[in-house]
Amino acid sequence: MHHHDGFRELDRQECLRLLGQVSIGRIVYTDQALPAVLPVNFSLDHDFCVVLCTSAASRVARAVGQAVVAFEVDRFDEAAGTGWSVVVMGPAILVTDPGERERLLRTGPRSWVPVPDGVFIRIRPELVTGRVVDRNEFRSDGRVSHEQQSAP
């Protein structure tokens, strides 16, 4: 793991583990040539794809369809000065296969509001990055403490 600007980079395996610990994230997509960010609930599928459910009429559903998006999750403790962030980037695909859609109706994420025309969006994790910060790992001058420099 590398230290960079006070953060420690995470490997893909650790990022995917952390991704599975939360159920709310932010999808970042393009809406009418502008960046858009939307908080959504989600679930991780068996292949580590991010799956979310939204209305077929929603802006995010209209904007995806093989478009590359970013998806971010995080958890921070301001009082302790610790936290992490994971970003997944990859194509966002509307799930159209009837069998897959039926499976996701049983096992996938549940929308917080009723969506009678709900569609599932699957984000394939082609690029996964993450960073963690723990202010206890750093000296008062901002440099990594000696103990942390030698840690694997």
C-alpha atoms as a PDB file:
ATOM      1  CA  MET A   1       0.000   0.000   0.000  1.00  0.00           C
ATOM      2  CA  HIS A   2       1.316   3.422  -0.895  1.00  0.00           C
ATOM      3  CA  HIS A   3       0.901   6.617   1.076  1.00  0.00           C
ATOM      4  CA  HIS A   4      -0.178   9.577  -0.993  1.00  0.00           C
ATOM      5  CA  ASP A   5      -1.208  13.002   0.327  1.00  0.00           C
ATOM      6  CA  GLY A   6      -2.025  11.591   3.747  1.00  0.00           C
ATOM      7  CA  PHE A   7      -4.035   8.701   2.354  1.00  0.00           C
ATOM      8  CA  ARG A   8      -3.031   5.063   1.971  1.00  0.00           C
ATOM      9  CA  GLU A   9      -4.055   3.388  -1.280  1.00  0.00           C
ATOM     10  CA  LEU A  10      -6.007   0.142  -1.035  1.00  0.00           C
ATOM     11  CA  ASP A  11      -5.699  -2.882  -3.289  1.00  0.00           C
ATOM     12  CA  ARG A  12      -8.661  -4.166  -5.321  1.00  0.00           C
ATOM     13  CA  GLN A  13      -9.485  -7.000  -2.906  1.00  0.00           C
ATOM     14  CA  GLU A  14      -9.667  -4.652   0.096  1.00  0.00           C
ATOM     15  CA  CYS A  15     -11.761  -2.166  -1.913  1.00  0.00           C
ATOM     16  CA  LEU A  16     -14.297  -4.861  -2.814  1.00  0.00           C
ATOM     17  CA  ARG A  17     -14.441  -6.008   0.810  1.00  0.00           C
ATOM     18  CA  LEU A  18     -15.215  -2.458   1.961  1.00  0.00           C
ATOM     19  CA  LEU A  19     -17.741  -1.987  -0.842  1.00  0.00           C
ATOM     20  CA  GLY A  20     -19.688  -4.902   0.613  1.00  0.00           C
ATOM     21  CA  GLN A  21     -19.898  -3.235   4.045  1.00  0.00           C
ATOM     22  CA  VAL A  22     -22.221  -0.388   3.041  1.00  0.00           C
ATOM     23  CA  SER A  23     -25.539  -0.118   1.220  1.00  0.00           C
ATOM     24  CA  ILE A  24     -25.588   3.551   0.159  1.00  0.00           C
ATOM     25  CA  GLY A  25     -23.334   4.990  -2.524  1.00  0.00           C
ATOM     26  CA  ARG A  26     -23.204   7.691  -5.175  1.00  0.00           C
ATOM     27  CA  ILE A  27     -23.455   7.078  -8.891  1.00  0.00           C
ATOM     28  CA  VAL A  28     -21.660   9.661 -11.023  1.00  0.00           C
ATOM     29  CA  TYR A  29     -22.906   9.850 -14.596  1.00  0.00           C
ATOM     30  CA  THR A  30     -23.359  12.315 -17.457  1.00  0.00           C
ATOM     31  CA  ASP A  31     -26.718  14.067 -17.794  1.00  0.00           C
ATOM     32  CA  GLN A  32     -27.098  16.372 -20.805  1.00  0.00           C
ATOM     33  CA  ALA A  33     -23.309  16.716 -21.105  1.00  0.00           C
ATOM     34  CA  LEU A  34     -22.923  17.684 -17.432  1.00  0.00           C
ATOM     35  CA  PRO A  35     -21.686  15.585 -14.513  1.00  0.00           C
ATOM     36  CA  ALA A  36     -24.450  14.396 -12.187  1.00  0.00           C
ATOM     37  CA  VAL A  37     -24.205  12.685  -8.796  1.00  0.00           C
ATOM     38  CA  LEU A  38     -27.048  10.740  -7.226  1.00  0.00           C
ATOM     39  CA  PRO A  39     -27.047   8.945  -3.862  1.00  0.00           C
ATOM     40  CA  VAL A  40     -28.583   5.473  -4.201  1.00  0.00           C
ATOM     41  CA  ASN A  41     -28.941   2.276  -2.270  1.00  0.00           C
ATOM     42  CA  PHE A  42     -27.274  -0.709  -3.922  1.00  0.00           C
ATOM     43  CA  SER A  43     -26.164  -4.276  -3.505  1.00  0.00           C
ATOM     44  CA  LEU A  44     -23.143  -6.226  -4.666  1.00  0.00           C
ATOM     45  CA  ASP A  45     -23.858  -9.125  -6.955  1.00  0.00           C
ATOM     46  CA  HIS A  46     -22.006 -12.450  -6.913  1.00  0.00           C
ATOM     47  CA  ASP A  47     -19.469 -11.152  -9.457  1.00  0.00           C
ATOM     48  CA  PHE A  48     -18.834  -7.916  -7.488  1.00  0.00           C
ATOM     49  CA  CYS A  49     -20.947  -5.884  -9.902  1.00  0.00           C
ATOM     50  CA  VAL A  50     -22.749  -2.964  -8.265  1.00  0.00           C
ATOM     51  CA  VAL A  51     -26.512  -3.299  -8.763  1.00  0.00           C
ATOM     52  CA  LEU A  52     -29.039  -0.557  -8.191  1.00  0.00           C
ATOM     53  CA  CYS A  53     -32.781  -0.273  -8.801  1.00  0.00           C
ATOM     54  CA  THR A  54     -34.408   2.882 -10.111  1.00  0.00           C
ATOM     55  CA  SER A  55     -37.418   4.039 -12.086  1.00  0.00           C
ATOM     56  CA  ALA A  56     -37.248   3.464 -15.839  1.00  0.00           C
ATOM     57  CA  ALA A  57     -38.148   7.153 -16.215  1.00  0.00           C
ATOM     58  CA  SER A  58     -35.313   8.383 -13.980  1.00  0.00           C
ATOM     59  CA  ARG A  59     -32.518  10.515 -15.370  1.00  0.00           C
ATOM     60  CA  VAL A  60     -29.912   7.944 -14.383  1.00  0.00           C
ATOM     61  CA  ALA A  61     -31.773   5.140 -16.221  1.00  0.00           C
ATOM     62  CA  ARG A  62     -32.042   7.293 -19.342  1.00  0.00           C
ATOM     63  CA  ALA A  63     -28.372   8.297 -19.145  1.00  0.00           C
ATOM     64  CA  VAL A  64     -26.813   4.846 -18.867  1.00  0.00           C
ATOM     65  CA  GLY A  65     -26.747   2.013 -21.369  1.00  0.00           C
ATOM     66  CA  GLN A  66     -23.107   1.018 -21.778  1.00  0.00           C
ATOM     67  CA  ALA A  67     -22.007   4.483 -20.577  1.00  0.00           C
ATOM     68  CA  VAL A  68     -18.994   4.443 -18.287  1.00  0.00           C
ATOM     69  CA  VAL A  69     -19.929   5.711 -14.834  1.00  0.00           C
ATOM     70  CA  ALA A  70     -18.258   6.075 -11.470  1.00  0.00           C
ATOM     71  CA  PHE A  71     -19.704   4.741  -8.238  1.00  0.00           C
ATOM     72  CA  GLU A  72     -18.380   5.917  -4.868  1.00  0.00           C
ATOM     73  CA  VAL A  73     -18.893   4.658  -1.332  1.00  0.00           C
ATOM     74  CA  ASP A  74     -17.261   5.814   1.869  1.00  0.00           C
ATOM     75  CA  ARG A  75     -17.319   5.749   5.621  1.00  0.00           C
ATOM     76  CA  PHE A  76     -15.709   8.416   7.805  1.00  0.00           C
ATOM     77  CA  ASP A  77     -15.452   9.112  11.508  1.00  0.00           C
ATOM     78  CA  GLU A  78     -14.721  12.824  11.821  1.00  0.00           C
ATOM     79  CA  ALA A  79     -14.074  12.665  15.568  1.00  0.00           C
ATOM     80  CA  ALA A  80     -11.498   9.880  15.207  1.00  0.00           C
ATOM     81  CA  GLY A  81      -9.980  11.266  11.999  1.00  0.00           C
ATOM     82  CA  THR A  82     -10.371   7.954  10.181  1.00  0.00           C
ATOM     83  CA  GLY A  83     -12.161   6.830   7.080  1.00  0.00           C
ATOM     84  CA  TRP A  84     -12.054   5.258   3.685  1.00  0.00           C
ATOM     85  CA  SER A  85     -13.398   5.810   0.187  1.00  0.00           C
ATOM     86  CA  VAL A  86     -13.805   3.353  -2.690  1.00  0.00           C
ATOM     87  CA  VAL A  87     -14.506   4.283  -6.323  1.00  0.00           C
ATOM     88  CA  VAL A  88     -15.672   1.791  -8.940  1.00  0.00           C
ATOM     89  CA  MET A  89     -15.595   2.743 -12.624  1.00  0.00           C
ATOM     90  CA  GLY A  90     -17.053   0.776 -15.476  1.00  0.00           C
ATOM     91  CA  PRO A  91     -19.925   0.438 -17.906  1.00  0.00           C
ATOM     92  CA  ALA A  92     -23.453   0.802 -16.539  1.00  0.00           C
ATOM     93  CA  ILE A  93     -25.818  -1.628 -18.223  1.00  0.00           C
ATOM     94  CA  LEU A  94     -29.595  -1.888 -17.933  1.00  0.00           C
ATOM     95  CA  VAL A  95     -30.542  -5.457 -17.024  1.00  0.00           C
ATOM     96  CA  THR A  96     -32.913  -6.660 -19.753  1.00  0.00           C
ATOM     97  CA  ASP A  97     -32.679 -10.454 -19.487  1.00  0.00           C
ATOM     98  CA  PRO A  98     -36.015 -11.647 -17.980  1.00  0.00           C
ATOM     99  CA  GLY A  99     -34.390 -14.406 -15.897  1.00  0.00           C
ATOM    100  CA  GLU A 100     -31.740 -12.075 -14.511  1.00  0.00           C
ATOM    101  CA  ARG A 101     -34.346  -9.422 -13.783  1.00  0.00           C
ATOM    102  CA  GLU A 102     -36.486 -11.974 -11.915  1.00  0.00           C
ATOM    103  CA  ARG A 103     -33.474 -13.067  -9.860  1.00  0.00           C
ATOM    104  CA  LEU A 104     -32.648  -9.461  -8.954  1.00  0.00           C
ATOM    105  CA  LEU A 105     -36.269  -8.835  -7.936  1.00  0.00           C
ATOM    106  CA  ARG A 106     -35.728 -11.541  -5.306  1.00  0.00           C
ATOM    107  CA  THR A 107     -32.117 -10.886  -4.311  1.00  0.00           C
ATOM    108  CA  GLY A 108     -31.162  -7.399  -5.491  1.00  0.00           C
ATOM    109  CA  PRO A 109     -31.408  -4.015  -3.838  1.00  0.00           C
ATOM    110  CA  ARG A 110     -34.739  -2.641  -2.725  1.00  0.00           C
ATOM    111  CA  SER A 111     -35.615   0.922  -3.609  1.00  0.00           C
ATOM    112  CA  TRP A 112     -36.540   3.096  -0.643  1.00  0.00           C
ATOM    113  CA  VAL A 113     -39.564   4.366  -2.540  1.00  0.00           C
ATOM    114  CA  PRO A 114     -42.040   2.329  -4.613  1.00  0.00           C
ATOM    115  CA  VAL A 115     -40.947   2.077  -8.256  1.00  0.00           C
ATOM    116  CA  PRO A 116     -43.625   0.223 -10.231  1.00  0.00           C
ATOM    117  CA  ASP A 117     -41.596   0.626 -13.435  1.00  0.00           C
ATOM    118  CA  GLY A 118     -38.314  -0.273 -11.743  1.00  0.00           C
ATOM    119  CA  VAL A 119     -35.247  -1.244 -13.719  1.00  0.00           C
ATOM    120  CA  PHE A 120     -31.962  -2.672 -12.527  1.00  0.00           C
ATOM    121  CA  ILE A 121     -28.645  -1.127 -13.489  1.00  0.00           C
ATOM    122  CA  ARG A 122     -25.470  -3.197 -13.236  1.00  0.00           C
ATOM    123  CA  ILE A 123     -22.067  -1.490 -13.009  1.00  0.00           C
ATOM    124  CA  ARG A 124     -19.203  -3.766 -13.993  1.00  0.00           C
ATOM    125  CA  PRO A 125     -16.127  -2.927 -11.850  1.00  0.00           C
ATOM    126  CA  GLU A 126     -13.405  -2.499 -14.465  1.00  0.00           C
ATOM    127  CA  LEU A 127     -11.369  -0.033 -12.406  1.00  0.00           C
ATOM    128  CA  VAL A 128     -11.536  -0.130  -8.607  1.00  0.00           C
ATOM    129  CA  THR A 129      -9.567   2.264  -6.412  1.00  0.00           C
ATOM    130  CA  GLY A 130      -9.671   3.119  -2.762  1.00  0.00           C
ATOM    131  CA  ARG A 131      -7.962   5.128  -0.094  1.00  0.00           C
ATOM    132  CA  VAL A 132      -7.949   5.092   3.676  1.00  0.00           C
ATOM    133  CA  VAL A 133      -6.894   7.780   6.107  1.00  0.00           C
ATOM    134  CA  ASP A 134      -6.072   7.452   9.787  1.00  0.00           C
ATOM    135  CA  ARG A 135      -4.646  10.562  11.382  1.00  0.00           C
ATOM    136  CA  ASN A 136      -3.008   8.336  14.016  1.00  0.00           C
ATOM    137  CA  GLU A 137      -0.661   7.033  11.296  1.00  0.00           C
ATOM    138  CA  PHE A 138       0.872  10.475  10.800  1.00  0.00           C
ATOM    139  CA  ARG A 139       3.156  12.637  12.875  1.00  0.00           C
ATOM    140  CA  SER A 140       2.262  16.231  13.702  1.00  0.00           C
ATOM    141  CA  ASP A 141       4.370  17.405  10.728  1.00  0.00           C
ATOM    142  CA  GLY A 142       2.198  15.349   8.356  1.00  0.00           C
ATOM    143  CA  ARG A 143       4.811  12.691   7.612  1.00  0.00           C
ATOM    144  CA  VAL A 144       4.114   8.990   8.025  1.00  0.00           C
ATOM    145  CA  SER A 145       5.174   7.722  11.428  1.00  0.00           C
ATOM    146  CA  HIS A 146       8.201   5.398  11.485  1.00  0.00           C
ATOM    147  CA  GLU A 147       6.104   2.394  12.527  1.00  0.00           C
ATOM    148  CA  GLN A 148       3.776   2.831   9.549  1.00  0.00           C
ATOM    149  CA  GLN A 149       6.632   3.234   7.042  1.00  0.00           C
ATOM    150  CA  SER A 150       7.904  -0.248   7.759  1.00  0.00           C
ATOM    151  CA  ALA A 151       4.461  -1.867   7.847  1.00  0.00           C
ATOM    152  CA  PRO A 152       3.497  -3.989   4.808  1.00  0.00           C
END
